[in-house]
C-alpha atoms as a PDB file:
ATOM      1  CA  MET A   1      79.340-258.276 211.808  1.00  0.00           C
ATOM      2  CA  GLU A   2      77.023-259.015 214.264  1.00  0.00           C
ATOM      3  CA  ASP A   3      78.787-257.255 217.186  1.00  0.00           C
ATOM      4  CA  LEU A   4      77.725-253.669 217.306  1.00  0.00           C
ATOM      5  CA  SER A   5      79.903-252.892 220.048  1.00  0.00           C
ATOM      6  CA  GLU A   6      83.329-253.661 217.946  1.00  0.00           C
ATOM      7  CA  ILE A   7      81.515-250.893 215.010  1.00  0.00           C
ATOM      8  CA  LYS A   8      84.052-248.416 215.870  1.00  0.00           C
ATOM      9  CA  TYR A   9      81.531-245.626 213.988  1.00  0.00           C
ATOM     10  CA  PHE A  10      78.663-246.853 217.040  1.00  0.00           C
ATOM     11  CA  GLU A  11      81.635-245.442 220.017  1.00  0.00           C
ATOM     12  CA  GLY A  12      79.202-243.550 222.553  1.00  0.00           C
ATOM     13  CA  ILE A  13      76.260-244.439 221.350  1.00  0.00           C
ATOM     14  CA  ASP A  14      74.377-246.870 222.677  1.00  0.00           C
ATOM     15  CA  THR A  15      73.653-249.647 220.795  1.00  0.00           C
ATOM     16  CA  ARG A  16      69.847-250.813 221.616  1.00  0.00           C
ATOM     17  CA  TYR A  17      69.247-247.555 219.528  1.00  0.00           C
ATOM     18  CA  VAL A  18      70.886-249.271 216.769  1.00  0.00           C
ATOM     19  CA  ILE A  19      69.373-251.906 215.735  1.00  0.00           C
ATOM     20  CA  ASP A  20      65.874-251.861 214.832  1.00  0.00           C
ATOM     21  CA  SER A  21      63.631-253.659 216.175  1.00  0.00           C
ATOM     22  CA  LEU A  22      61.745-256.123 214.415  1.00  0.00           C
ATOM     23  CA  THR A  23      64.716-258.062 212.010  1.00  0.00           C
ATOM     24  CA  HIS A  24      67.449-257.285 214.853  1.00  0.00           C
ATOM     25  CA  VAL A  25      69.698-255.616 212.377  1.00  0.00           C
ATOM     26  CA  ILE A  26      70.795-252.060 212.069  1.00  0.00           C
ATOM     27  CA  SER A  27      68.570-249.216 211.500  1.00  0.00           C
ATOM     28  CA  ARG A  28      67.695-247.626 209.116  1.00  0.00           C
ATOM     29  CA  GLU A  29      69.889-244.205 209.877  1.00  0.00           C
ATOM     30  CA  TYR A  30      72.569-246.580 210.749  1.00  0.00           C
ATOM     31  CA  ILE A  31      73.317-247.672 208.137  1.00  0.00           C
ATOM     32  CA  GLU A  32      72.735-244.910 205.691  1.00  0.00           C
ATOM     33  CA  MET A  33      75.877-243.735 208.462  1.00  0.00           C
ATOM     34  CA  LEU A  34      77.174-246.052 208.762  1.00  0.00           C
ATOM     35  CA  ALA A  35      77.645-245.490 204.193  1.00  0.00           C
ATOM     36  CA  LYS A  36      79.012-242.162 204.667  1.00  0.00           C
ATOM     37  CA  LYS A  37      81.120-243.047 206.577  1.00  0.00           C
ATOM     38  CA  MET A  38      83.147-245.616 204.342  1.00  0.00           C
ATOM     39  CA  LEU A  39      82.196-242.743 201.951  1.00  0.00           C
ATOM     40  CA  ASP A  40      84.305-240.258 204.162  1.00  0.00           C
ATOM     41  CA  GLU A  41      87.587-242.260 205.247  1.00  0.00           C
ATOM     42  CA  ARG A  42      87.833-243.700 201.573  1.00  0.00           C
ATOM     43  CA  ILE A  43      87.199-247.498 202.571  1.00  0.00           C
ATOM     44  CA  PRO A  44      86.114-248.909 199.132  1.00  0.00           C
ATOM     45  CA  PHE A  45      82.797-250.650 199.515  1.00  0.00           C
ATOM     46  CA  THR A  46      79.962-252.296 197.820  1.00  0.00           C
ATOM     47  CA  LEU A  47      76.091-251.237 198.761  1.00  0.00           C
ATOM     48  CA  MET A  48      73.234-253.191 198.007  1.00  0.00           C
ATOM     49  CA  ILE A  49      70.004-252.595 197.861  1.00  0.00           C
ATOM     50  CA  LEU A  50      67.488-255.981 199.040  1.00  0.00           C
ATOM     51  CA  ASP A  51      63.797-255.865 198.242  1.00  0.00           C
ATOM     52  CA  LEU A  52      61.322-258.841 199.002  1.00  0.00           C
ATOM     53  CA  ASP A  53      59.583-259.781 195.773  1.00  0.00           C
ATOM     54  CA  ASN A  54      55.749-259.735 196.309  1.00  0.00           C
ATOM     55  CA  PHE A  55      55.597-258.778 199.965  1.00  0.00           C
ATOM     56  CA  LYS A  56      52.338-256.798 200.070  1.00  0.00           C
ATOM     57  CA  GLN A  57      50.872-259.873 198.876  1.00  0.00           C
ATOM     58  CA  ILE A  58      51.884-262.530 202.127  1.00  0.00           C
ATOM     59  CA  ASN A  59      50.422-259.813 204.291  1.00  0.00           C
ATOM     60  CA  ASP A  60      47.669-259.200 202.167  1.00  0.00           C
ATOM     61  CA  SER A  61      47.264-263.426 202.217  1.00  0.00           C
ATOM     62  CA  PHE A  62      48.241-264.349 205.519  1.00  0.00           C
ATOM     63  CA  GLY A  63      48.324-261.429 207.586  1.00  0.00           C
ATOM     64  CA  HIS A  64      51.083-258.735 209.209  1.00  0.00           C
ATOM     65  CA  SER A  65      51.872-261.659 212.200  1.00  0.00           C
ATOM     66  CA  SER A  66      53.121-263.702 208.936  1.00  0.00           C
ATOM     67  CA  GLY A  67      54.856-260.488 207.644  1.00  0.00           C
ATOM     68  CA  ASP A  68      56.465-259.755 210.420  1.00  0.00           C
ATOM     69  CA  PHE A  69      57.824-263.266 210.772  1.00  0.00           C
ATOM     70  CA  ILE A  70      59.015-263.584 207.725  1.00  0.00           C
ATOM     71  CA  LEU A  71      61.322-259.865 207.879  1.00  0.00           C
ATOM     72  CA  LYS A  72      62.494-261.240 211.200  1.00  0.00           C
ATOM     73  CA  ASN A  73      63.924-264.581 209.553  1.00  0.00           C
ATOM     74  CA  ILE A  74      65.244-262.442 206.761  1.00  0.00           C
ATOM     75  CA  GLY A  75      67.286-260.491 208.847  1.00  0.00           C
ATOM     76  CA  GLU A  76      68.705-263.424 211.181  1.00  0.00           C
ATOM     77  CA  GLY A  77      69.442-265.088 207.995  1.00  0.00           C
ATOM     78  CA  LEU A  78      71.330-261.997 206.478  1.00  0.00           C
ATOM     79  CA  LYS A  79      73.042-261.751 209.674  1.00  0.00           C
ATOM     80  CA  ASP A  80      74.426-265.690 209.648  1.00  0.00           C
ATOM     81  CA  VAL A  81      75.682-265.123 205.731  1.00  0.00           C
ATOM     82  CA  CYS A  82      77.400-261.388 206.173  1.00  0.00           C
ATOM     83  CA  LYS A  83      78.700-261.862 209.722  1.00  0.00           C
ATOM     84  CA  LYS A  84      82.109-261.085 209.957  1.00  0.00           C
ATOM     85  CA  GLU A  85      81.720-259.786 206.294  1.00  0.00           C
ATOM     86  CA  ALA A  86      79.011-257.312 205.823  1.00  0.00           C
ATOM     87  CA  TYR A  87      77.154-255.109 207.460  1.00  0.00           C
ATOM     88  CA  VAL A  88      72.878-255.318 207.621  1.00  0.00           C
ATOM     89  CA  GLY A  89      70.453-252.972 207.884  1.00  0.00           C
ATOM     90  CA  ARG A  90      66.654-252.303 207.443  1.00  0.00           C
ATOM     91  CA  TYR A  91      65.630-249.576 204.822  1.00  0.00           C
ATOM     92  CA  GLY A  92      62.233-249.655 205.307  1.00  0.00           C
ATOM     93  CA  GLY A  93      59.273-252.097 204.998  1.00  0.00           C
ATOM     94  CA  ASP A  94      60.385-254.871 203.305  1.00  0.00           C
ATOM     95  CA  GLU A  95      63.809-253.391 202.043  1.00  0.00           C
ATOM     96  CA  PHE A  96      67.645-254.184 203.506  1.00  0.00           C
ATOM     97  CA  LEU A  97      70.728-252.258 203.019  1.00  0.00           C
ATOM     98  CA  LEU A  98      73.846-255.005 202.824  1.00  0.00           C
ATOM     99  CA  LEU A  99      78.004-253.046 202.888  1.00  0.00           C
ATOM    100  CA  ILE A 100      80.590-255.093 201.865  1.00  0.00           C
ATOM    101  CA  PRO A 101      83.329-253.966 203.552  1.00  0.00           C
ATOM    102  CA  ASN A 102      86.645-253.892 200.396  1.00  0.00           C
ATOM    103  CA  LYS A 103      84.271-255.964 198.312  1.00  0.00           C
ATOM    104  CA  THR A 104      84.156-253.881 194.835  1.00  0.00           C
ATOM    105  CA  SER A 105      85.450-256.242 191.624  1.00  0.00           C
ATOM    106  CA  TYR A 106      82.335-257.581 189.649  1.00  0.00           C
ATOM    107  CA  ASN A 107      83.624-261.538 190.522  1.00  0.00           C
ATOM    108  CA  ASP A 108      83.988-260.812 194.261  1.00  0.00           C
ATOM    109  CA  VAL A 109      80.269-259.472 194.549  1.00  0.00           C
ATOM    110  CA  HIS A 110      79.105-262.226 192.477  1.00  0.00           C
ATOM    111  CA  HIS A 111      80.272-264.691 194.475  1.00  0.00           C
ATOM    112  CA  PHE A 112      78.825-262.998 197.829  1.00  0.00           C
ATOM    113  CA  LEU A 113      75.927-262.711 196.012  1.00  0.00           C
ATOM    114  CA  GLU A 114      76.137-266.548 194.842  1.00  0.00           C
ATOM    115  CA  SER A 115      76.164-268.095 198.419  1.00  0.00           C
ATOM    116  CA  LEU A 116      73.431-265.211 199.584  1.00  0.00           C
ATOM    117  CA  TYR A 117      70.911-267.118 196.684  1.00  0.00           C
ATOM    118  CA  PHE A 118      72.033-270.596 196.299  1.00  0.00           C
ATOM    119  CA  ARG A 119      74.675-271.925 198.762  1.00  0.00           C
ATOM    120  CA  ASN A 120      72.826-270.249 201.951  1.00  0.00           C
ATOM    121  CA  SER A 121      69.250-270.269 201.116  1.00  0.00           C
ATOM    122  CA  VAL A 122      68.068-267.122 202.174  1.00  0.00           C
ATOM    123  CA  PHE A 123      66.057-267.074 199.582  1.00  0.00           C
ATOM    124  CA  ARG A 124      64.237-268.581 196.893  1.00  0.00           C
ATOM    125  CA  ARG A 125      63.263-270.794 199.729  1.00  0.00           C
ATOM    126  CA  TYR A 126      60.942-271.788 202.303  1.00  0.00           C
ATOM    127  CA  TYR A 127      59.578-270.576 205.701  1.00  0.00           C
ATOM    128  CA  ASN A 128      57.294-272.082 207.800  1.00  0.00           C
ATOM    129  CA  ASP A 129      55.040-269.784 210.065  1.00  0.00           C
ATOM    130  CA  GLY A 130      53.434-272.659 212.223  1.00  0.00           C
ATOM    131  CA  LEU A 131      50.995-272.851 210.103  1.00  0.00           C
ATOM    132  CA  ARG A 132      51.595-272.155 206.195  1.00  0.00           C
ATOM    133  CA  ASP A 133      55.361-272.680 204.035  1.00  0.00           C
ATOM    134  CA  ILE A 134      55.877-269.670 202.725  1.00  0.00           C
ATOM    135  CA  TYR A 135      58.447-268.818 199.564  1.00  0.00           C
ATOM    136  CA  VAL A 136      60.220-266.239 199.350  1.00  0.00           C
ATOM    137  CA  THR A 137      62.438-264.751 197.063  1.00  0.00           C
ATOM    138  CA  ALA A 138      63.774-261.268 196.926  1.00  0.00           C
ATOM    139  CA  THR A 139      65.717-258.935 194.242  1.00  0.00           C
ATOM    140  CA  LEU A 140      69.172-256.911 194.348  1.00  0.00           C
ATOM    141  CA  GLY A 141      70.618-254.523 192.645  1.00  0.00           C
ATOM    142  CA  CYS A 142      74.130-253.620 194.199  1.00  0.00           C
ATOM    143  CA  ALA A 143      76.353-250.785 193.095  1.00  0.00           C
ATOM    144  CA  SER A 144      80.565-249.982 194.342  1.00  0.00           C
ATOM    145  CA  PHE A 145      82.907-247.355 195.814  1.00  0.00           C
ATOM    146  CA  PRO A 146      84.800-245.707 193.980  1.00  0.00           C
ATOM    147  CA  ASP A 147      83.954-247.628 191.183  1.00  0.00           C
ATOM    148  CA  ASN A 148      80.635-246.208 190.188  1.00  0.00           C
ATOM    149  CA  ALA A 149      80.037-243.384 191.851  1.00  0.00           C
ATOM    150  CA  SER A 150      81.821-240.950 194.909  1.00  0.00           C
ATOM    151  CA  ASP A 151      79.220-239.468 196.843  1.00  0.00           C
ATOM    152  CA  PHE A 152      76.268-241.816 198.446  1.00  0.00           C
ATOM    153  CA  LYS A 153      73.457-240.099 197.123  1.00  0.00           C
ATOM    154  CA  SER A 154      74.620-242.020 193.485  1.00  0.00           C
ATOM    155  CA  LEU A 155      76.049-244.844 194.686  1.00  0.00           C
ATOM    156  CA  PHE A 156      72.302-245.448 195.948  1.00  0.00           C
ATOM    157  CA  ASP A 157      70.922-244.438 192.948  1.00  0.00           C
ATOM    158  CA  MET A 158      72.826-246.835 191.085  1.00  0.00           C
ATOM    159  CA  ALA A 159      71.935-250.219 193.229  1.00  0.00           C
ATOM    160  CA  ASP A 160      68.017-248.343 192.201  1.00  0.00           C
ATOM    161  CA  LYS A 161      68.685-248.868 188.763  1.00  0.00           C
ATOM    162  CA  ALA A 162      70.479-252.383 188.671  1.00  0.00           C
ATOM    163  CA  LEU A 163      67.338-252.851 191.743  1.00  0.00           C
ATOM    164  CA  TYR A 164      65.426-250.809 188.925  1.00  0.00           C
ATOM    165  CA  ARG A 165      66.485-253.941 186.160  1.00  0.00           C
ATOM    166  CA  GLY A 166      66.058-256.774 187.927  1.00  0.00           C
ATOM    167  CA  LYS A 167      62.148-256.180 189.214  1.00  0.00           C
ATOM    168  CA  VAL A 168      61.810-255.573 185.343  1.00  0.00           C
ATOM    169  CA  LYS A 169      63.191-258.546 183.931  1.00  0.00           C
ATOM    170  CA  GLY A 170      61.172-260.686 186.623  1.00  0.00           C
ATOM    171  CA  ARG A 171      61.758-260.203 190.243  1.00  0.00           C
ATOM    172  CA  ASN A 172      63.883-262.952 192.099  1.00  0.00           C
ATOM    173  CA  CYS A 173      67.149-261.945 191.277  1.00  0.00           C
ATOM    174  CA  TYR A 174      70.073-260.031 191.206  1.00  0.00           C
ATOM    175  CA  ILE A 175      71.851-257.219 189.420  1.00  0.00           C
ATOM    176  CA  ILE A 176      75.104-255.524 189.087  1.00  0.00           C
ATOM    177  CA  TYR A 177      75.305-252.519 188.236  1.00  0.00           C
ATOM    178  CA  VAL A 178      77.348-251.848 185.062  1.00  0.00           C
ATOM    179  CA  GLU A 179      77.742-248.184 184.013  1.00  0.00           C
ATOM    180  CA  SER A 180      77.703-249.546 179.990  1.00  0.00           C
ATOM    181  CA  LYS A 181      74.608-251.639 180.748  1.00  0.00           C
ATOM    182  CA  HIS A 182      72.416-249.261 183.601  1.00  0.00           C
ATOM    183  CA  LYS A 183      73.387-245.698 183.383  1.00  0.00           C
ATOM    184  CA  ASP A 184      70.737-244.875 181.182  1.00  0.00           C
ATOM    185  CA  ILE A 185      67.510-246.538 183.422  1.00  0.00           C
ATOM    186  CA  VAL A 186      64.873-244.614 184.137  1.00  0.00           C
ATOM    187  CA  ILE A 187      63.586-245.659 187.218  1.00  0.00           C
ATOM    188  CA  HIS A 188      59.710-244.632 186.378  1.00  0.00           C
ATOM    189  CA  GLU A 189      59.429-244.797 182.777  1.00  0.00           C
ATOM    190  CA  LYS A 190      56.213-246.617 182.070  1.00  0.00           C
ATOM    191  CA  VAL A 191      57.538-250.393 181.261  1.00  0.00           C
ATOM    192  CA  GLU A 192      54.297-252.105 180.898  1.00  0.00           C
ATOM    193  CA  ARG A 193      50.672-250.956 179.980  1.00  0.00           C
ATOM    194  CA  SER A 194      48.471-250.887 182.400  1.00  0.00           C
ATOM    195  CA  LEU A 195      45.775-253.884 184.197  1.00  0.00           C
ATOM    196  CA  ILE A 196      42.993-251.781 182.239  1.00  0.00           C
ATOM    197  CA  GLU A 197      44.761-251.773 179.160  1.00  0.00           C
ATOM    198  CA  ARG A 198      45.283-255.202 179.422  1.00  0.00           C
ATOM    199  CA  PHE A 199      41.866-255.656 180.010  1.00  0.00           C
ATOM    200  CA  ASN A 200      40.583-254.430 177.277  1.00  0.00           C
ATOM    201  CA  SER A 201      43.032-255.950 174.547  1.00  0.00           C
ATOM    202  CA  ALA A 202      42.013-259.570 175.897  1.00  0.00           C
ATOM    203  CA  LYS A 203      37.750-258.294 175.544  1.00  0.00           C
ATOM    204  CA  ARG A 204      38.811-257.478 172.501  1.00  0.00           C
ATOM    205  CA  VAL A 205      39.095-260.650 171.247  1.00  0.00           C
ATOM    206  CA  TYR A 206      35.701-261.622 172.664  1.00  0.00           C
ATOM    207  CA  GLU A 207      34.094-258.902 170.422  1.00  0.00           C
ATOM    208  CA  ILE A 208      36.550-259.350 166.982  1.00  0.00           C
ATOM    209  CA  TYR A 209      36.566-263.495 166.811  1.00  0.00           C
ATOM    210  CA  LYS A 210      33.012-264.610 166.592  1.00  0.00           C
ATOM    211  CA  ASN A 211      33.764-268.129 166.296  1.00  0.00           C
ATOM    212  CA  TYR A 212      33.995-270.446 169.289  1.00  0.00           C
ATOM    213  CA  ASP A 213      37.528-272.215 168.742  1.00  0.00           C
ATOM    214  CA  LYS A 214      39.568-268.667 166.987  1.00  0.00           C
ATOM    215  CA  LYS A 215      37.790-266.822 170.528  1.00  0.00           C
ATOM    216  CA  ILE A 216      39.195-269.338 172.465  1.00  0.00           C
ATOM    217  CA  LYS A 217      43.146-269.705 170.439  1.00  0.00           C
ATOM    218  CA  TYR A 218      43.282-266.344 170.035  1.00  0.00           C
ATOM    219  CA  THR A 219      42.233-265.840 174.007  1.00  0.00           C
ATOM    220  CA  MET A 220      45.452-267.985 174.581  1.00  0.00           C
ATOM    221  CA  ASP A 221      48.348-266.228 172.244  1.00  0.00           C
ATOM    222  CA  PHE A 222      47.485-263.128 173.758  1.00  0.00           C
ATOM    223  CA  LEU A 223      47.987-264.758 177.390  1.00  0.00           C
ATOM    224  CA  TYR A 224      51.829-266.167 176.215  1.00  0.00           C
ATOM    225  CA  SER A 225      51.665-262.777 174.901  1.00  0.00           C
ATOM    226  CA  GLU A 226      51.349-261.040 177.447  1.00  0.00           C
ATOM    227  CA  LEU A 227      52.836-262.914 180.337  1.00  0.00           C
ATOM    228  CA  HIS A 228      56.348-263.724 178.086  1.00  0.00           C
ATOM    229  CA  CYS A 229      55.663-268.013 179.334  1.00  0.00           C
ATOM    230  CA  ALA A 230      56.419-270.932 177.862  1.00  0.00           C
ATOM    231  CA  GLY A 231      52.655-272.081 176.899  1.00  0.00           C
ATOM    232  CA  ALA A 232      49.623-271.311 177.615  1.00  0.00           C
ATOM    233  CA  TYR A 233      46.042-273.679 176.675  1.00  0.00           C
ATOM    234  CA  PHE A 234      42.793-274.506 177.657  1.00  0.00           C
ATOM    235  CA  LEU A 235      41.496-277.706 178.594  1.00  0.00           C
ATOM    236  CA  THR A 236      37.918-279.070 177.825  1.00  0.00           C
ATOM    237  CA  PRO A 237      36.357-281.440 180.115  1.00  0.00           C
ATOM    238  CA  ASN A 238      36.206-283.742 176.608  1.00  0.00           C
ATOM    239  CA  HIS A 239      40.957-283.997 176.831  1.00  0.00           C
ATOM    240  CA  GLU A 240      39.968-281.684 174.347  1.00  0.00           C
ATOM    241  CA  LEU A 241      43.144-279.306 173.602  1.00  0.00           C
ATOM    242  CA  ILE A 242      43.754-275.613 172.018  1.00  0.00           C
ATOM    243  CA  SER A 243      46.945-273.418 172.798  1.00  0.00           C
ATOM    244  CA  ASN A 244      48.762-271.047 171.968  1.00  0.00           C
ATOM    245  CA  ALA A 245      50.380-273.434 169.232  1.00  0.00           C
ATOM    246  CA  LYS A 246      54.228-272.870 171.054  1.00  0.00           C
ATOM    247  CA  ASP A 247      55.290-276.443 172.892  1.00  0.00           C
ATOM    248  CA  ASP A 248      52.785-278.420 172.720  1.00  0.00           C
ATOM    249  CA  PRO A 249      52.852-281.622 175.018  1.00  0.00           C
ATOM    250  CA  GLU A 250      52.833-285.158 173.346  1.00  0.00           C
ATOM    251  CA  TYR A 251      49.953-285.855 175.486  1.00  0.00           C
ATOM    252  CA  THR A 252      47.369-284.174 177.530  1.00  0.00           C
ATOM    253  CA  GLY A 253      45.190-286.164 179.693  1.00  0.00           C
ATOM    254  CA  ILE A 254      47.934-286.450 183.119  1.00  0.00           C
ATOM    255  CA  VAL A 255      46.641-282.361 183.050  1.00  0.00           C
ATOM    256  CA  PHE A 256      43.602-282.559 183.550  1.00  0.00           C
ATOM    257  CA  GLU A 257      40.749-283.864 186.600  1.00  0.00           C
ATOM    258  CA  PRO A 258      42.272-285.100 189.107  1.00  0.00           C
ATOM    259  CA  HIS A 259      45.389-284.306 188.691  1.00  0.00           C
ATOM    260  CA  LEU A 260      44.255-280.129 188.177  1.00  0.00           C
ATOM    261  CA  GLU A 261      41.837-280.667 190.994  1.00  0.00           C
ATOM    262  CA  LEU A 262      44.376-281.590 193.688  1.00  0.00           C
ATOM    263  CA  LEU A 263      46.219-277.958 192.533  1.00  0.00           C
ATOM    264  CA  LEU A 264      42.916-275.653 192.775  1.00  0.00           C
ATOM    265  CA  ASP A 265      42.107-277.737 196.176  1.00  0.00           C
ATOM    266  CA  GLY A 266      38.734-276.921 195.913  1.00  0.00           C
ATOM    267  CA  ASP A 267      39.941-273.062 194.836  1.00  0.00           C
ATOM    268  CA  ARG A 268      38.988-271.786 191.475  1.00  0.00           C
ATOM    269  CA  PHE A 269      42.447-270.245 191.008  1.00  0.00           C
ATOM    270  CA  PHE A 270      46.549-272.050 191.779  1.00  0.00           C
ATOM    271  CA  TYR A 271      49.618-269.934 190.837  1.00  0.00           C
ATOM    272  CA  ASP A 272      53.247-270.521 192.902  1.00  0.00           C
ATOM    273  CA  SER A 273      56.525-271.609 192.250  1.00  0.00           C
ATOM    274  CA  PRO A 274      59.042-273.527 192.766  1.00  0.00           C
ATOM    275  CA  LEU A 275      55.838-276.749 192.215  1.00  0.00           C
ATOM    276  CA  THR A 276      58.395-278.548 193.893  1.00  0.00           C
ATOM    277  CA  LYS A 277      55.637-278.486 197.014  1.00  0.00           C
ATOM    278  CA  TYR A 278      53.067-279.387 195.292  1.00  0.00           C
ATOM    279  CA  LYS A 279      54.174-281.984 192.975  1.00  0.00           C
ATOM    280  CA  ALA A 280      54.747-284.265 196.303  1.00  0.00           C
ATOM    281  CA  LYS A 281      50.761-284.080 195.631  1.00  0.00           C
ATOM    282  CA  ASP A 282      50.618-286.534 192.820  1.00  0.00           C
ATOM    283  CA  LYS A 283      53.732-288.899 190.911  1.00  0.00           C
ATOM    284  CA  ALA A 284      51.834-288.041 187.443  1.00  0.00           C
ATOM    285  CA  LEU A 285      51.707-284.423 187.441  1.00  0.00           C
ATOM    286  CA  ALA A 286      55.364-284.506 189.059  1.00  0.00           C
ATOM    287  CA  ASP A 287      56.761-286.415 186.014  1.00  0.00           C
ATOM    288  CA  PHE A 288      54.849-284.696 183.843  1.00  0.00           C
ATOM    289  CA  CYS A 289      56.366-281.561 184.899  1.00  0.00           C
ATOM    290  CA  ASN A 290      59.853-283.166 185.142  1.00  0.00           C
ATOM    291  CA  GLU A 291      59.341-283.562 181.436  1.00  0.00           C
ATOM    292  CA  LYS A 292      58.011-280.778 180.649  1.00  0.00           C
ATOM    293  CA  LEU A 293      60.607-278.878 182.875  1.00  0.00           C
ATOM    294  CA  ILE A 294      58.002-276.556 184.473  1.00  0.00           C
ATOM    295  CA  HIS A 295      58.453-274.774 187.168  1.00  0.00           C
ATOM    296  CA  ALA A 296      55.750-271.963 188.119  1.00  0.00           C
ATOM    297  CA  LEU A 297      52.573-272.926 186.803  1.00  0.00           C
ATOM    298  CA  MET A 298      48.794-271.269 187.264  1.00  0.00           C
ATOM    299  CA  ILE A 299      45.742-272.680 186.190  1.00  0.00           C
ATOM    300  CA  ALA A 300      42.362-271.286 186.641  1.00  0.00           C
ATOM    301  CA  LYS A 301      38.873-273.006 185.868  1.00  0.00           C
ATOM    302  CA  VAL A 302      36.556-271.669 184.185  1.00  0.00           C
ATOM    303  CA  GLY A 303      33.340-272.837 185.910  1.00  0.00           C
ATOM    304  CA  SER A 304      31.754-273.121 189.065  1.00  0.00           C
ATOM    305  CA  ARG A 305      31.776-275.968 191.403  1.00  0.00           C
ATOM    306  CA  ASP A 306      28.714-277.563 189.914  1.00  0.00           C
ATOM    307  CA  LYS A 307      29.523-276.492 186.555  1.00  0.00           C
ATOM    308  CA  ASN A 308      32.987-277.217 184.869  1.00  0.00           C
ATOM    309  CA  TYR A 309      33.936-275.763 181.275  1.00  0.00           C
ATOM    310  CA  GLY A 310      37.338-276.450 181.896  1.00  0.00           C
ATOM    311  CA  TYR A 311      40.647-275.294 182.644  1.00  0.00           C
ATOM    312  CA  ILE A 312      42.994-272.563 181.671  1.00  0.00           C
ATOM    313  CA  MET A 313      46.471-273.386 182.255  1.00  0.00           C
ATOM    314  CA  VAL A 314      49.657-271.091 182.262  1.00  0.00           C
ATOM    315  CA  TYR A 315      53.311-272.104 182.483  1.00  0.00           C
ATOM    316  CA  GLU A 316      57.230-271.657 183.118  1.00  0.00           C
ATOM    317  CA  LYS A 317      60.475-273.230 182.512  1.00  0.00           C
ATOM    318  CA  ALA A 318      62.652-270.686 184.218  1.00  0.00           C
ATOM    319  CA  ILE A 319      63.112-271.492 187.354  1.00  0.00           C
ATOM    320  CA  THR A 320      63.257-267.677 188.609  1.00  0.00           C
ATOM    321  CA  ARG A 321      59.689-267.234 187.580  1.00  0.00           C
ATOM    322  CA  ILE A 322      57.495-265.115 190.506  1.00  0.00           C
ATOM    323  CA  TRP A 323      54.315-264.414 189.259  1.00  0.00           C
ATOM    324  CA  GLN A 324      52.861-260.900 189.806  1.00  0.00           C
ATOM    325  CA  GLU A 325      49.979-259.675 190.557  1.00  0.00           C
ATOM    326  CA  SER A 326      49.009-257.766 187.884  1.00  0.00           C
ATOM    327  CA  GLU A 327      49.654-261.873 185.606  1.00  0.00           C
ATOM    328  CA  VAL A 328      47.227-263.531 188.518  1.00  0.00           C
ATOM    329  CA  ALA A 329      44.969-260.409 187.746  1.00  0.00           C
ATOM    330  CA  LEU A 330      44.594-261.027 183.930  1.00  0.00           C
ATOM    331  CA  LEU A 331      44.392-264.668 184.211  1.00  0.00           C
ATOM    332  CA  MET A 332      41.586-264.414 186.728  1.00  0.00           C
ATOM    333  CA  TYR A 333      39.810-261.711 184.208  1.00  0.00           C
ATOM    334  CA  VAL A 334      39.993-263.609 180.845  1.00  0.00           C
ATOM    335  CA  SER A 335      38.708-267.023 183.114  1.00  0.00           C
ATOM    336  CA  SER A 336      35.878-264.302 184.320  1.00  0.00           C
ATOM    337  CA  LEU A 337      35.475-263.460 180.039  1.00  0.00           C
ATOM    338  CA  LEU A 338      35.590-267.287 178.519  1.00  0.00           C
ATOM    339  CA  GLU A 339      33.087-267.989 181.647  1.00  0.00           C
ATOM    340  CA  ASN A 340      30.847-265.519 180.622  1.00  0.00           C
ATOM    341  CA  GLU A 341      30.822-266.741 176.888  1.00  0.00           C
ATOM    342  CA  LEU A 342      30.534-270.215 177.626  1.00  0.00           C
ATOM    343  CA  LYS A 343      27.475-270.209 179.486  1.00  0.00           C
ATOM    344  CA  ASP A 344      25.922-267.850 176.484  1.00  0.00           C
ATOM    345  CA  LEU A 345      26.909-270.349 173.998  1.00  0.00           C
ATOM    346  CA  GLU A 346      25.478-272.891 176.242  1.00  0.00           C
ATOM    347  CA  THR A 347      22.100-271.701 176.251  1.00  0.00           C
ATOM    348  CA  LYS A 348      21.681-270.055 172.877  1.00  0.00           C
END
């Protein structure tokens, strides 16, 4: 719905005030007005709430100019996909609202969402801001009128529940509201332990176990359990491997220096998904990841530039896995605990 002058609800309104100045989609006030007008006229439609994943991290890491660049490109991408099929609005910050008239059946909505996430690649892709490639994903929840609700607040709340369910699942996905599955979701319920509680749990591993190998082994078990990942390993400089023993690789030489150092690129931490861009740096690493179906990877170097005690490697096989800030923080904390432990062991 690109030509706003053709939208009957905007007759008599200067459309310059209808458009969000950054993203060039419909502003919050007027996208809400559109939804309420369609409700008043009993026009069936689906309301979608779309939230960019980890957008604060983009602003914090690369600056607000990069964040604005992403928002503008997402707005343009959404308009290109929706065209004459849907209305696109910016609801606030990194959140967009989509209204799709006369599409309310599960199959029709699912088909539209597939075009958004797969065929047209608005998400799950890199955007280059002139300095770097930034990988962008989004989580979306939706509900339909009149099937799910008959007023704006109820309809928005149901779409919000679906969105919340998508975030709890790990983000980078879309959820279509189904009453039998989602009606009892409480948006603000506590779904995971606080970061401080998780830090304390990690610390207890080092207090309980006195044996060095057991401390490492149970630390990997802890990471595996807390991060719900496919595997967690500690790789020593001597090519010894201590793992959670759930999915041991058949060989380990590939994941040692210099392969991991290529990913770290002088830093102590690496975390990203998908790995397509980084696998291009090293054929051996690419072959290893392809064989093990590794799509998301976090690495922490335990030690400093001058002293290397080894690496913690955590990986995931799901292509939709996007590491969250709390997960990265937990790995950083665990690697610091392990570094201090190994330093103490070395001085004894």
